[in-house]
Amino acid sequence: MKWTDTAEIAIALADAHPGIDPMRVNFVDLHRWVTELEGFDDDPKRSGEKILEAIQQAWIDEAD
């Protein structure tokens, strides 16, 4: 997975962190959780606020 795979990342986060409200996750934790996902193989330094926002929104959509 790469940073741009927001939907795939959101599904993986929902599976890895059931019961977590994605609206309450701060970007520091979100960044760490994404980089810890099995199959994630992108440069941790390549993310930014816009990418993390997109991932968080996709996770919110997945949770609904």
PDB file of N, CA and C in Angstrom:
ATOM      1  N   MET A   1       0.835  -1.182   0.000  1.00  0.00           N
ATOM      2  CA  MET A   1       0.000   0.000   0.000  1.00  0.00           C
ATOM      3  C   MET A   1       0.881   1.247   0.000  1.00  0.00           C
ATOM      4  N   LYS A   2       0.401   2.226  -0.681  1.00  0.00           N
ATOM      5  CA  LYS A   2       1.050   3.539  -0.729  1.00  0.00           C
ATOM      6  C   LYS A   2       0.120   4.563  -0.073  1.00  0.00           C
ATOM      7  N   TRP A   3       0.670   5.736   0.228  1.00  0.00           N
ATOM      8  CA  TRP A   3      -0.129   6.798   0.861  1.00  0.00           C
ATOM      9  C   TRP A   3      -1.377   7.136   0.053  1.00  0.00           C
ATOM     10  N   THR A   4      -1.297   7.003  -1.248  1.00  0.00           N
ATOM     11  CA  THR A   4      -2.428   7.379  -2.103  1.00  0.00           C
ATOM     12  C   THR A   4      -3.541   6.333  -2.130  1.00  0.00           C
ATOM     13  N   ASP A   5      -3.325   5.180  -1.539  1.00  0.00           N
ATOM     14  CA  ASP A   5      -4.336   4.119  -1.496  1.00  0.00           C
ATOM     15  C   ASP A   5      -5.281   4.345  -0.315  1.00  0.00           C
ATOM     16  N   THR A   6      -5.926   5.498  -0.313  1.00  0.00           N
ATOM     17  CA  THR A   6      -6.697   5.917   0.867  1.00  0.00           C
ATOM     18  C   THR A   6      -7.819   4.950   1.227  1.00  0.00           C
ATOM     19  N   ALA A   7      -8.553   4.456   0.250  1.00  0.00           N
ATOM     20  CA  ALA A   7      -9.662   3.542   0.543  1.00  0.00           C
ATOM     21  C   ALA A   7      -9.144   2.235   1.128  1.00  0.00           C
ATOM     22  N   GLU A   8      -8.098   1.693   0.557  1.00  0.00           N
ATOM     23  CA  GLU A   8      -7.513   0.443   1.050  1.00  0.00           C
ATOM     24  C   GLU A   8      -6.955   0.633   2.468  1.00  0.00           C
ATOM     25  N   ILE A   9      -6.312   1.762   2.695  1.00  0.00           N
ATOM     26  CA  ILE A   9      -5.782   2.069   4.024  1.00  0.00           C
ATOM     27  C   ILE A   9      -6.922   2.199   5.025  1.00  0.00           C
ATOM     28  N   ALA A  10      -8.005   2.876   4.637  1.00  0.00           N
ATOM     29  CA  ALA A  10      -9.144   3.065   5.534  1.00  0.00           C
ATOM     30  C   ALA A  10      -9.744   1.729   5.954  1.00  0.00           C
ATOM     31  N   ILE A  11      -9.876   0.816   5.025  1.00  0.00           N
ATOM     32  CA  ILE A  11     -10.413  -0.515   5.339  1.00  0.00           C
ATOM     33  C   ILE A  11      -9.478  -1.242   6.301  1.00  0.00           C
ATOM     34  N   ALA A  12      -8.184  -1.165   6.026  1.00  0.00           N
ATOM     35  CA  ALA A  12      -7.203  -1.825   6.889  1.00  0.00           C
ATOM     36  C   ALA A  12      -7.208  -1.217   8.294  1.00  0.00           C
ATOM     37  N   LEU A  13      -7.349   0.092   8.394  1.00  0.00           N
ATOM     38  CA  LEU A  13      -7.407   0.748   9.702  1.00  0.00           C
ATOM     39  C   LEU A  13      -8.657   0.341  10.470  1.00  0.00           C
ATOM     40  N   ALA A  14      -9.775   0.274   9.780  1.00  0.00           N
ATOM     41  CA  ALA A  14     -11.028  -0.136  10.421  1.00  0.00           C
ATOM     42  C   ALA A  14     -10.907  -1.562  10.962  1.00  0.00           C
ATOM     43  N   ASP A  15     -10.237  -2.425  10.209  1.00  0.00           N
ATOM     44  CA  ASP A  15     -10.032  -3.807  10.655  1.00  0.00           C
ATOM     45  C   ASP A  15      -9.046  -3.879  11.816  1.00  0.00           C
ATOM     46  N   ALA A  16      -7.995  -3.062  11.761  1.00  0.00           N
ATOM     47  CA  ALA A  16      -6.939  -3.106  12.772  1.00  0.00           C
ATOM     48  C   ALA A  16      -7.342  -2.423  14.078  1.00  0.00           C
ATOM     49  N   HIS A  17      -8.266  -1.462  13.987  1.00  0.00           N
ATOM     50  CA  HIS A  17      -8.652  -0.678  15.173  1.00  0.00           C
ATOM     51  C   HIS A  17     -10.174  -0.611  15.298  1.00  0.00           C
ATOM     52  N   PRO A  18     -10.805  -1.771  15.511  1.00  0.00           N
ATOM     53  CA  PRO A  18     -12.269  -1.772  15.634  1.00  0.00           C
ATOM     54  C   PRO A  18     -12.688  -1.005  16.889  1.00  0.00           C
ATOM     55  N   GLY A  19     -13.793  -0.325  16.775  1.00  0.00           N
ATOM     56  CA  GLY A  19     -14.307   0.410  17.925  1.00  0.00           C
ATOM     57  C   GLY A  19     -13.704   1.795  18.104  1.00  0.00           C
ATOM     58  N   ILE A  20     -12.714   2.133  17.294  1.00  0.00           N
ATOM     59  CA  ILE A  20     -12.104   3.462  17.367  1.00  0.00           C
ATOM     60  C   ILE A  20     -12.916   4.421  16.495  1.00  0.00           C
ATOM     61  N   ASP A  21     -13.249   5.576  17.036  1.00  0.00           N
ATOM     62  CA  ASP A  21     -13.936   6.616  16.266  1.00  0.00           C
ATOM     63  C   ASP A  21     -12.884   7.367  15.457  1.00  0.00           C
ATOM     64  N   PRO A  22     -12.888   7.221  14.136  1.00  0.00           N
ATOM     65  CA  PRO A  22     -11.854   7.865  13.321  1.00  0.00           C
ATOM     66  C   PRO A  22     -11.868   9.394  13.418  1.00  0.00           C
ATOM     67  N   MET A  23     -12.980   9.972  13.840  1.00  0.00           N
ATOM     68  CA  MET A  23     -13.036  11.425  13.972  1.00  0.00           C
ATOM     69  C   MET A  23     -12.218  11.915  15.175  1.00  0.00           C
ATOM     70  N   ARG A  24     -11.910  11.012  16.094  1.00  0.00           N
ATOM     71  CA  ARG A  24     -11.183  11.380  17.309  1.00  0.00           C
ATOM     72  C   ARG A  24      -9.696  11.024  17.259  1.00  0.00           C
ATOM     73  N   VAL A  25      -9.235  10.513  16.116  1.00  0.00           N
ATOM     74  CA  VAL A  25      -7.832  10.113  15.981  1.00  0.00           C
ATOM     75  C   VAL A  25      -7.008  11.319  15.534  1.00  0.00           C
ATOM     76  N   ASN A  26      -5.952  11.601  16.280  1.00  0.00           N
ATOM     77  CA  ASN A  26      -5.086  12.715  15.868  1.00  0.00           C
ATOM     78  C   ASN A  26      -4.137  12.243  14.763  1.00  0.00           C
ATOM     79  N   PHE A  27      -3.574  13.196  14.041  1.00  0.00           N
ATOM     80  CA  PHE A  27      -2.757  12.852  12.880  1.00  0.00           C
ATOM     81  C   PHE A  27      -1.459  12.144  13.250  1.00  0.00           C
ATOM     82  N   VAL A  28      -0.933  12.390  14.437  1.00  0.00           N
ATOM     83  CA  VAL A  28       0.286  11.697  14.862  1.00  0.00           C
ATOM     84  C   VAL A  28       0.005  10.194  14.990  1.00  0.00           C
ATOM     85  N   ASP A  29      -1.091   9.855  15.661  1.00  0.00           N
ATOM     86  CA  ASP A  29      -1.460   8.442  15.805  1.00  0.00           C
ATOM     87  C   ASP A  29      -1.845   7.846  14.453  1.00  0.00           C
ATOM     88  N   LEU A  30      -2.598   8.587  13.672  1.00  0.00           N
ATOM     89  CA  LEU A  30      -3.025   8.097  12.362  1.00  0.00           C
ATOM     90  C   LEU A  30      -1.810   7.770  11.503  1.00  0.00           C
ATOM     91  N   HIS A  31      -0.842   8.660  11.471  1.00  0.00           N
ATOM     92  CA  HIS A  31       0.377   8.437  10.689  1.00  0.00           C
ATOM     93  C   HIS A  31       1.068   7.153  11.149  1.00  0.00           C
ATOM     94  N   ARG A  32       1.218   7.003  12.450  1.00  0.00           N
ATOM     95  CA  ARG A  32       1.893   5.817  13.002  1.00  0.00           C
ATOM     96  C   ARG A  32       1.121   4.553  12.660  1.00  0.00           C
ATOM     97  N   TRP A  33      -0.197   4.581  12.825  1.00  0.00           N
ATOM     98  CA  TRP A  33      -1.011   3.404  12.549  1.00  0.00           C
ATOM     99  C   TRP A  33      -0.933   3.008  11.082  1.00  0.00           C
ATOM    100  N   VAL A  34      -0.925   3.988  10.191  1.00  0.00           N
ATOM    101  CA  VAL A  34      -0.819   3.676   8.764  1.00  0.00           C
ATOM    102  C   VAL A  34       0.523   3.005   8.478  1.00  0.00           C
ATOM    103  N   THR A  35       1.597   3.583   8.998  1.00  0.00           N
ATOM    104  CA  THR A  35       2.928   3.019   8.701  1.00  0.00           C
ATOM    105  C   THR A  35       3.113   1.639   9.329  1.00  0.00           C
ATOM    106  N   GLU A  36       2.322   1.309  10.344  1.00  0.00           N
ATOM    107  CA  GLU A  36       2.404  -0.008  10.991  1.00  0.00           C
ATOM    108  C   GLU A  36       1.539  -1.069  10.313  1.00  0.00           C
ATOM    109  N   LEU A  37       0.709  -0.661   9.358  1.00  0.00           N
ATOM    110  CA  LEU A  37      -0.173  -1.623   8.693  1.00  0.00           C
ATOM    111  C   LEU A  37       0.640  -2.644   7.898  1.00  0.00           C
ATOM    112  N   GLU A  38       0.196  -3.893   7.984  1.00  0.00           N
ATOM    113  CA  GLU A  38       0.820  -4.933   7.177  1.00  0.00           C
ATOM    114  C   GLU A  38       0.570  -4.616   5.706  1.00  0.00           C
ATOM    115  N   GLY A  39       1.597  -4.653   4.922  1.00  0.00           N
ATOM    116  CA  GLY A  39       1.462  -4.364   3.497  1.00  0.00           C
ATOM    117  C   GLY A  39       1.734  -2.919   3.132  1.00  0.00           C
ATOM    118  N   PHE A  40       1.896  -2.057   4.121  1.00  0.00           N
ATOM    119  CA  PHE A  40       2.234  -0.661   3.825  1.00  0.00           C
ATOM    120  C   PHE A  40       3.718  -0.582   3.522  1.00  0.00           C
ATOM    121  N   ASP A  41       4.056  -0.027   2.364  1.00  0.00           N
ATOM    122  CA  ASP A  41       5.468  -0.004   1.973  1.00  0.00           C
ATOM    123  C   ASP A  41       5.869   1.306   1.292  1.00  0.00           C
ATOM    124  N   ASP A  42       5.337   2.398   1.797  1.00  0.00           N
ATOM    125  CA  ASP A  42       5.693   3.708   1.254  1.00  0.00           C
ATOM    126  C   ASP A  42       6.604   4.427   2.256  1.00  0.00           C
ATOM    127  N   ASP A  43       7.224   5.475   1.803  1.00  0.00           N
ATOM    128  CA  ASP A  43       8.119   6.264   2.647  1.00  0.00           C
ATOM    129  C   ASP A  43       7.290   7.028   3.681  1.00  0.00           C
ATOM    130  N   PRO A  44       7.518   6.807   4.971  1.00  0.00           N
ATOM    131  CA  PRO A  44       6.743   7.507   6.004  1.00  0.00           C
ATOM    132  C   PRO A  44       6.829   9.023   5.898  1.00  0.00           C
ATOM    133  N   LYS A  45       7.881   9.538   5.322  1.00  0.00           N
ATOM    134  CA  LYS A  45       8.056  10.989   5.209  1.00  0.00           C
ATOM    135  C   LYS A  45       7.254  11.595   4.060  1.00  0.00           C
ATOM    136  N   ARG A  46       6.640  10.767   3.225  1.00  0.00           N
ATOM    137  CA  ARG A  46       5.917  11.278   2.061  1.00  0.00           C
ATOM    138  C   ARG A  46       4.487  11.684   2.363  1.00  0.00           C
ATOM    139  N   SER A  47       4.057  11.492   3.588  1.00  0.00           N
ATOM    140  CA  SER A  47       2.687  11.893   3.916  1.00  0.00           C
ATOM    141  C   SER A  47       2.662  13.357   4.330  1.00  0.00           C
ATOM    142  N   GLY A  48       1.470  13.900   4.300  1.00  0.00           N
ATOM    143  CA  GLY A  48       1.260  15.274   4.735  1.00  0.00           C
ATOM    144  C   GLY A  48      -0.147  15.408   5.259  1.00  0.00           C
ATOM    145  N   GLU A  49      -0.485  16.605   5.676  1.00  0.00           N
ATOM    146  CA  GLU A  49      -1.801  16.825   6.259  1.00  0.00           C
ATOM    147  C   GLU A  49      -2.929  16.458   5.301  1.00  0.00           C
ATOM    148  N   LYS A  50      -2.791  16.805   4.024  1.00  0.00           N
ATOM    149  CA  LYS A  50      -3.858  16.516   3.053  1.00  0.00           C
ATOM    150  C   LYS A  50      -4.061  15.013   2.881  1.00  0.00           C
ATOM    151  N   ILE A  51      -2.984  14.257   2.832  1.00  0.00           N
ATOM    152  CA  ILE A  51      -3.102  12.804   2.690  1.00  0.00           C
ATOM    153  C   ILE A  51      -3.741  12.208   3.939  1.00  0.00           C
ATOM    154  N   LEU A  52      -3.302  12.659   5.112  1.00  0.00           N
ATOM    155  CA  LEU A  52      -3.874  12.140   6.350  1.00  0.00           C
ATOM    156  C   LEU A  52      -5.349  12.509   6.469  1.00  0.00           C
ATOM    157  N   GLU A  53      -5.718  13.700   6.038  1.00  0.00           N
ATOM    158  CA  GLU A  53      -7.137  14.091   6.033  1.00  0.00           C
ATOM    159  C   GLU A  53      -7.942  13.179   5.117  1.00  0.00           C
ATOM    160  N   ALA A  54      -7.402  12.877   3.948  1.00  0.00           N
ATOM    161  CA  ALA A  54      -8.098  12.013   2.997  1.00  0.00           C
ATOM    162  C   ALA A  54      -8.269  10.601   3.563  1.00  0.00           C
ATOM    163  N   ILE A  55      -7.230  10.101   4.222  1.00  0.00           N
ATOM    164  CA  ILE A  55      -7.319   8.776   4.837  1.00  0.00           C
ATOM    165  C   ILE A  55      -8.346   8.786   5.957  1.00  0.00           C
ATOM    166  N   GLN A  56      -8.307   9.829   6.788  1.00  0.00           N
ATOM    167  CA  GLN A  56      -9.263   9.921   7.894  1.00  0.00           C
ATOM    168  C   GLN A  56     -10.696   9.988   7.361  1.00  0.00           C
ATOM    169  N   GLN A  57     -10.928  10.761   6.320  1.00  0.00           N
ATOM    170  CA  GLN A  57     -12.266  10.869   5.746  1.00  0.00           C
ATOM    171  C   GLN A  57     -12.713   9.542   5.155  1.00  0.00           C
ATOM    172  N   ALA A  58     -11.817   8.842   4.499  1.00  0.00           N
ATOM    173  CA  ALA A  58     -12.167   7.531   3.945  1.00  0.00           C
ATOM    174  C   ALA A  58     -12.507   6.546   5.062  1.00  0.00           C
ATOM    175  N   TRP A  59     -11.791   6.638   6.165  1.00  0.00           N
ATOM    176  CA  TRP A  59     -12.066   5.777   7.327  1.00  0.00           C
ATOM    177  C   TRP A  59     -13.426   6.124   7.926  1.00  0.00           C
ATOM    178  N   ILE A  60     -13.736   7.403   8.017  1.00  0.00           N
ATOM    179  CA  ILE A  60     -15.053   7.836   8.508  1.00  0.00           C
ATOM    180  C   ILE A  60     -16.146   7.285   7.598  1.00  0.00           C
ATOM    181  N   ASP A  61     -15.942   7.402   6.292  1.00  0.00           N
ATOM    182  CA  ASP A  61     -16.924   6.881   5.335  1.00  0.00           C
ATOM    183  C   ASP A  61     -17.073   5.358   5.479  1.00  0.00           C
ATOM    184  N   GLU A  62     -15.965   4.680   5.691  1.00  0.00           N
ATOM    185  CA  GLU A  62     -15.973   3.224   5.871  1.00  0.00           C
ATOM    186  C   GLU A  62     -16.739   2.842   7.132  1.00  0.00           C
ATOM    187  N   ALA A  63     -16.591   3.638   8.182  1.00  0.00           N
ATOM    188  CA  ALA A  63     -17.257   3.357   9.457  1.00  0.00           C
ATOM    189  C   ALA A  63     -18.771   3.546   9.358  1.00  0.00           C
ATOM    190  N   ASP A  64     -19.199   4.409   8.439  1.00  0.00           N
ATOM    191  CA  ASP A  64     -20.643   4.653   8.269  1.00  0.00           C
ATOM    192  C   ASP A  64     -21.235   3.524   7.513  1.00  0.00           C
TER     193      ASP A  64
END
